[in-house]
Amino acid sequence: METVAGGEVVQAFIPKPLPPIPPLDLDSGRQQLLEKATLALGRLDSVSMLLPNPQLFLYAYVRREAVLSSQIEGTH
């Protein structure tokens, strides 16, 4: 899927809809990981409210990942 980030068209991976078939087995280890991930997302969400322009912040990371990927592939 293509989307726009920071005025630039980028491609994004869109996973299959949830819930998965067969359902996930949330044993105690996975449950703890899920809770840690949820907490981290909550922190990120709260920090993003302090930013004057969250889209610009996101664009910087999308751009950085693209540059790093290009360096790995040896392209510009």
Protein backbone atom coordinates (compact mmCIF):
# COMPACT_ATOMS: atom_id res chain seq x y z
CA MET A 1 0.00 0.00 0.00
CA GLU A 2 1.22 3.49 -0.77
CA THR A 3 0.73 6.39 1.63
CA VAL A 4 2.11 9.91 2.09
CA ALA A 5 4.52 10.79 4.92
CA GLY A 6 6.07 14.25 5.11
CA GLY A 7 4.93 15.07 1.59
CA GLU A 8 6.66 11.99 0.15
CA VAL A 9 4.95 8.85 -1.18
CA VAL A 10 6.09 5.75 0.71
CA GLN A 11 5.12 2.08 0.61
CA ALA A 12 3.76 0.31 3.68
CA PHE A 13 3.13 -3.32 4.58
CA ILE A 14 -0.47 -3.92 5.61
CA PRO A 15 -0.94 -7.22 7.49
CA LYS A 16 -3.98 -9.44 7.18
CA PRO A 17 -6.99 -8.42 9.33
CA LEU A 18 -7.22 -9.50 12.94
CA PRO A 19 -8.04 -11.79 14.67
CA PRO A 20 -5.75 -14.33 13.05
CA ILE A 21 -6.91 -17.81 12.16
CA PRO A 22 -6.00 -19.92 14.08
CA PRO A 23 -6.11 -17.65 17.15
CA LEU A 24 -2.88 -16.74 18.92
CA ASP A 25 -1.86 -18.79 21.92
CA LEU A 26 -1.17 -16.17 24.60
CA ASP A 27 0.92 -18.12 27.10
CA SER A 28 2.40 -16.24 30.06
CA GLY A 29 5.55 -15.22 28.15
CA ARG A 30 3.64 -13.81 25.21
CA GLN A 31 1.17 -12.10 27.53
CA GLN A 32 4.02 -10.30 29.29
CA LEU A 33 5.51 -9.22 25.95
CA LEU A 34 2.11 -7.95 24.83
CA GLU A 35 1.74 -5.92 28.03
CA LYS A 36 5.22 -4.41 27.61
CA ALA A 37 4.47 -3.50 23.99
CA THR A 38 1.14 -1.92 24.94
CA LEU A 39 2.84 0.12 27.66
CA ALA A 40 5.53 1.29 25.20
CA LEU A 41 2.87 2.34 22.68
CA GLY A 42 1.10 4.31 25.39
CA ARG A 43 4.33 6.12 26.25
CA LEU A 44 4.98 6.90 22.59
CA ASP A 45 1.43 8.21 22.19
CA SER A 46 1.75 10.47 25.22
CA VAL A 47 5.13 11.83 24.09
CA SER A 48 3.77 12.54 20.61
CA MET A 49 1.23 14.91 22.18
CA LEU A 50 4.13 17.11 23.32
CA LEU A 51 5.51 17.50 19.79
CA PRO A 52 4.53 20.59 17.80
CA ASN A 53 4.39 18.55 14.56
CA PRO A 54 4.24 14.74 15.02
CA GLN A 55 4.15 14.18 11.24
CA LEU A 56 7.56 15.84 10.87
CA PHE A 57 8.92 13.60 13.65
CA LEU A 58 7.55 10.51 11.91
CA TYR A 59 8.90 11.66 8.56
CA ALA A 60 12.43 11.90 10.00
CA TYR A 61 12.32 8.24 11.04
CA VAL A 62 10.75 7.04 7.79
CA ARG A 63 13.44 8.90 5.87
CA ARG A 64 16.20 7.55 8.12
CA GLU A 65 15.02 3.96 7.61
CA ALA A 66 14.92 4.51 3.84
CA VAL A 67 18.48 5.89 3.83
CA LEU A 68 19.75 2.98 5.93
CA SER A 69 18.03 0.46 3.66
CA SER A 70 19.58 2.12 0.61
CA GLN A 71 23.02 1.96 2.20
CA ILE A 72 22.58 -1.75 2.91
CA GLU A 73 21.52 -2.35 -0.69
CA GLY A 74 24.26 -0.07 -2.06
CA THR A 75 21.79 2.22 -3.83
CA HIS A 76 21.07 5.94 -3.59
